[in-house]
N, C-alpha and C. Protein backbone atom coordinates (compact mmCIF):
# COMPACT_ATOMS: atom_id res chain seq x y z
N MET A 1 -5.17 -13.88 29.09
CA MET A 1 -6.20 -12.97 28.66
C MET A 1 -7.12 -12.65 29.82
N ARG A 2 -6.55 -12.14 30.85
CA ARG A 2 -7.34 -11.84 32.05
C ARG A 2 -8.03 -10.48 31.96
N ASN A 3 -7.56 -9.60 31.09
CA ASN A 3 -8.17 -8.29 30.93
C ASN A 3 -9.40 -8.42 30.04
N ILE A 4 -10.56 -8.00 30.53
CA ILE A 4 -11.80 -8.19 29.80
C ILE A 4 -11.88 -7.29 28.57
N LEU A 5 -11.30 -6.10 28.61
CA LEU A 5 -11.32 -5.23 27.44
C LEU A 5 -10.48 -5.81 26.30
N PHE A 6 -9.33 -6.38 26.62
CA PHE A 6 -8.51 -7.04 25.61
C PHE A 6 -9.25 -8.24 25.03
N TYR A 7 -9.96 -8.97 25.87
CA TYR A 7 -10.73 -10.12 25.41
C TYR A 7 -11.80 -9.69 24.42
N TYR A 8 -12.54 -8.64 24.74
CA TYR A 8 -13.56 -8.14 23.82
C TYR A 8 -12.93 -7.65 22.51
N LEU A 9 -11.78 -7.02 22.58
CA LEU A 9 -11.09 -6.58 21.37
C LEU A 9 -10.72 -7.77 20.50
N VAL A 10 -10.22 -8.83 21.10
CA VAL A 10 -9.81 -10.01 20.35
C VAL A 10 -11.01 -10.71 19.70
N ILE A 11 -12.13 -10.79 20.38
CA ILE A 11 -13.27 -11.48 19.78
C ILE A 11 -13.99 -10.61 18.74
N LEU A 12 -13.88 -9.30 18.83
CA LEU A 12 -14.55 -8.43 17.87
C LEU A 12 -13.66 -8.02 16.69
N LEU A 13 -12.38 -8.24 16.77
CA LEU A 13 -11.44 -7.83 15.73
C LEU A 13 -11.77 -8.40 14.34
N PRO A 14 -12.12 -9.66 14.19
CA PRO A 14 -12.40 -10.19 12.85
C PRO A 14 -13.75 -9.76 12.26
N LEU A 15 -14.63 -9.21 13.05
CA LEU A 15 -15.97 -8.89 12.56
C LEU A 15 -16.00 -7.84 11.44
N PRO A 16 -15.21 -6.77 11.49
CA PRO A 16 -15.23 -5.84 10.36
C PRO A 16 -14.82 -6.49 9.04
N PHE A 17 -13.87 -7.41 9.08
CA PHE A 17 -13.47 -8.12 7.88
C PHE A 17 -14.61 -9.00 7.36
N LEU A 18 -15.33 -9.67 8.27
CA LEU A 18 -16.47 -10.47 7.86
C LEU A 18 -17.57 -9.61 7.26
N ILE A 19 -17.81 -8.45 7.85
CA ILE A 19 -18.81 -7.53 7.31
C ILE A 19 -18.40 -7.05 5.93
N TRP A 20 -17.12 -6.75 5.75
CA TRP A 20 -16.63 -6.32 4.45
C TRP A 20 -16.82 -7.41 3.39
N LEU A 21 -16.54 -8.65 3.75
CA LEU A 21 -16.74 -9.76 2.81
C LEU A 21 -18.21 -9.90 2.43
N ALA A 22 -19.10 -9.75 3.38
CA ALA A 22 -20.52 -9.84 3.09
C ALA A 22 -20.96 -8.66 2.22
N TRP A 23 -20.42 -7.48 2.48
CA TRP A 23 -20.79 -6.27 1.75
C TRP A 23 -20.35 -6.35 0.29
N THR A 24 -19.19 -6.93 0.03
CA THR A 24 -18.67 -7.01 -1.33
C THR A 24 -19.24 -8.18 -2.11
N GLY A 25 -20.02 -9.01 -1.49
CA GLY A 25 -20.69 -10.10 -2.19
C GLY A 25 -19.84 -11.35 -2.37
N GLN A 26 -18.79 -11.48 -1.62
CA GLN A 26 -17.96 -12.68 -1.70
C GLN A 26 -18.52 -13.73 -0.74
N SER A 27 -19.55 -14.40 -1.19
CA SER A 27 -20.30 -15.29 -0.29
C SER A 27 -19.49 -16.52 0.14
N ILE A 28 -18.67 -17.07 -0.73
CA ILE A 28 -17.90 -18.25 -0.35
C ILE A 28 -16.85 -17.90 0.70
N GLY A 29 -16.14 -16.80 0.49
CA GLY A 29 -15.16 -16.35 1.48
C GLY A 29 -15.81 -16.00 2.80
N PHE A 30 -16.95 -15.33 2.73
CA PHE A 30 -17.67 -14.97 3.94
C PHE A 30 -18.10 -16.21 4.71
N THR A 31 -18.66 -17.18 4.00
CA THR A 31 -19.13 -18.41 4.65
C THR A 31 -17.99 -19.18 5.30
N LEU A 32 -16.89 -19.31 4.57
CA LEU A 32 -15.74 -20.04 5.13
C LEU A 32 -15.18 -19.34 6.36
N LEU A 33 -14.99 -18.04 6.27
CA LEU A 33 -14.43 -17.32 7.42
C LEU A 33 -15.40 -17.26 8.59
N LEU A 34 -16.70 -17.21 8.30
CA LEU A 34 -17.68 -17.24 9.39
C LEU A 34 -17.65 -18.58 10.12
N LEU A 35 -17.51 -19.67 9.39
CA LEU A 35 -17.40 -20.98 10.03
C LEU A 35 -16.11 -21.10 10.84
N ILE A 36 -15.01 -20.61 10.27
CA ILE A 36 -13.74 -20.64 11.01
C ILE A 36 -13.83 -19.79 12.26
N TYR A 37 -14.47 -18.62 12.15
CA TYR A 37 -14.62 -17.74 13.31
C TYR A 37 -15.48 -18.39 14.39
N ALA A 38 -16.61 -18.93 13.97
CA ALA A 38 -17.56 -19.48 14.95
C ALA A 38 -17.07 -20.77 15.60
N LEU A 39 -16.42 -21.62 14.84
CA LEU A 39 -16.04 -22.92 15.38
C LEU A 39 -14.63 -22.94 15.96
N THR A 40 -13.67 -22.45 15.21
CA THR A 40 -12.27 -22.59 15.63
C THR A 40 -11.77 -21.39 16.43
N TYR A 41 -11.94 -20.20 15.88
CA TYR A 41 -11.36 -19.01 16.49
C TYR A 41 -11.96 -18.72 17.86
N ARG A 42 -13.29 -18.71 17.93
CA ARG A 42 -13.94 -18.42 19.21
C ARG A 42 -13.68 -19.50 20.24
N MET A 43 -13.61 -20.76 19.80
CA MET A 43 -13.30 -21.84 20.73
C MET A 43 -11.90 -21.64 21.31
N ALA A 44 -10.95 -21.29 20.46
CA ALA A 44 -9.58 -21.10 20.93
C ALA A 44 -9.47 -19.90 21.86
N VAL A 45 -10.11 -18.79 21.51
CA VAL A 45 -10.02 -17.58 22.34
C VAL A 45 -10.73 -17.80 23.68
N ASP A 46 -11.93 -18.34 23.64
CA ASP A 46 -12.67 -18.59 24.88
C ASP A 46 -11.95 -19.63 25.74
N GLY A 47 -11.42 -20.65 25.10
CA GLY A 47 -10.68 -21.67 25.84
C GLY A 47 -9.44 -21.11 26.49
N LEU A 48 -8.72 -20.25 25.77
CA LEU A 48 -7.52 -19.63 26.34
C LEU A 48 -7.88 -18.76 27.54
N ARG A 49 -8.98 -18.03 27.44
CA ARG A 49 -9.41 -17.20 28.57
C ARG A 49 -9.77 -18.07 29.79
N LEU A 50 -10.47 -19.17 29.56
CA LEU A 50 -10.85 -20.05 30.67
C LEU A 50 -9.64 -20.75 31.27
N VAL A 51 -8.67 -21.12 30.44
CA VAL A 51 -7.45 -21.75 30.95
C VAL A 51 -6.66 -20.74 31.76
N ASN A 52 -6.55 -19.51 31.29
CA ASN A 52 -5.82 -18.47 32.03
C ASN A 52 -6.48 -18.14 33.36
N LYS A 53 -7.80 -18.25 33.40
CA LYS A 53 -8.52 -17.98 34.65
C LYS A 53 -8.59 -19.23 35.53
N ARG A 54 -7.98 -20.31 35.09
CA ARG A 54 -7.92 -21.58 35.80
C ARG A 54 -9.30 -22.19 36.06
N LEU A 55 -10.21 -21.99 35.10
CA LEU A 55 -11.54 -22.59 35.20
C LEU A 55 -11.65 -23.85 34.37
N MET A 56 -10.66 -24.07 33.51
CA MET A 56 -10.67 -25.22 32.61
C MET A 56 -9.23 -25.62 32.34
N LYS A 57 -9.02 -26.91 32.16
CA LYS A 57 -7.69 -27.38 31.79
C LYS A 57 -7.54 -27.31 30.27
N ARG A 58 -6.29 -27.20 29.81
CA ARG A 58 -6.03 -27.07 28.38
C ARG A 58 -6.57 -28.28 27.60
N LYS A 59 -6.58 -29.44 28.21
CA LYS A 59 -7.07 -30.65 27.55
C LYS A 59 -8.59 -30.65 27.38
N GLU A 60 -9.29 -29.79 28.12
CA GLU A 60 -10.75 -29.75 28.07
C GLU A 60 -11.31 -28.69 27.13
N VAL A 61 -10.45 -27.94 26.47
CA VAL A 61 -10.91 -26.84 25.62
C VAL A 61 -11.78 -27.36 24.47
N TRP A 62 -11.52 -28.53 23.97
CA TRP A 62 -12.30 -29.08 22.86
C TRP A 62 -13.78 -29.21 23.22
N LYS A 63 -14.10 -29.29 24.51
CA LYS A 63 -15.48 -29.43 24.94
C LYS A 63 -16.33 -28.20 24.61
N LEU A 64 -15.67 -27.08 24.31
CA LEU A 64 -16.42 -25.89 23.94
C LEU A 64 -17.08 -26.03 22.58
N LEU A 65 -16.72 -27.05 21.82
CA LEU A 65 -17.40 -27.32 20.55
C LEU A 65 -18.80 -27.91 20.76
N ILE A 66 -19.05 -28.48 21.92
CA ILE A 66 -20.35 -29.06 22.23
C ILE A 66 -21.36 -27.92 22.36
N PRO A 67 -22.47 -28.00 21.61
CA PRO A 67 -23.46 -26.91 21.69
C PRO A 67 -23.95 -26.69 23.12
N GLY A 68 -23.94 -25.45 23.55
CA GLY A 68 -24.40 -25.08 24.87
C GLY A 68 -23.35 -25.11 25.95
N LYS A 69 -22.19 -25.68 25.68
CA LYS A 69 -21.14 -25.78 26.70
C LYS A 69 -20.56 -24.41 27.04
N ARG A 70 -20.45 -23.54 26.04
CA ARG A 70 -19.92 -22.20 26.27
C ARG A 70 -20.87 -21.40 27.17
N TRP A 71 -22.15 -21.74 27.11
CA TRP A 71 -23.14 -21.06 27.94
C TRP A 71 -22.89 -21.30 29.43
N ASP A 72 -22.33 -22.47 29.77
CA ASP A 72 -22.03 -22.77 31.17
C ASP A 72 -21.00 -21.80 31.75
N TYR A 73 -20.14 -21.27 30.90
CA TYR A 73 -19.08 -20.37 31.34
C TYR A 73 -19.34 -18.92 30.95
N SER A 74 -20.55 -18.58 30.54
CA SER A 74 -20.82 -17.25 30.01
C SER A 74 -20.55 -16.14 31.03
N ARG A 75 -20.87 -16.35 32.27
CA ARG A 75 -20.63 -15.32 33.28
C ARG A 75 -19.14 -15.05 33.44
N GLU A 76 -18.35 -16.12 33.50
CA GLU A 76 -16.89 -15.95 33.66
C GLU A 76 -16.25 -15.37 32.40
N LEU A 77 -16.79 -15.72 31.23
CA LEU A 77 -16.20 -15.24 29.98
C LEU A 77 -16.51 -13.77 29.73
N TYR A 78 -17.74 -13.35 29.91
CA TYR A 78 -18.15 -12.04 29.44
C TYR A 78 -18.30 -10.96 30.52
N PHE A 79 -18.45 -11.35 31.77
CA PHE A 79 -18.76 -10.34 32.76
C PHE A 79 -17.73 -10.19 33.88
N LYS A 80 -17.05 -11.26 34.25
CA LYS A 80 -16.10 -11.16 35.36
C LYS A 80 -14.72 -10.84 34.85
N LYS A 81 -14.02 -10.01 35.60
CA LYS A 81 -12.65 -9.65 35.23
C LYS A 81 -11.72 -10.71 35.61
């Protein structure tokens, strides 16, 4: 996932579905999918991008669950190609 536009597409793709769930009033589904998105999905996508850019080893991806750890890599994740 070295292309930054593809990366942004992948992280923004689930958001319309989450908005639709919130709009229709399905609060349990919205809450569950929001937690899955925030904890699991984003960790996996960000970890894959960092592994592909050789900034992190695959065994270290779990560390992105630590609050604030993703902030250490924010420049490489969001701004650098």
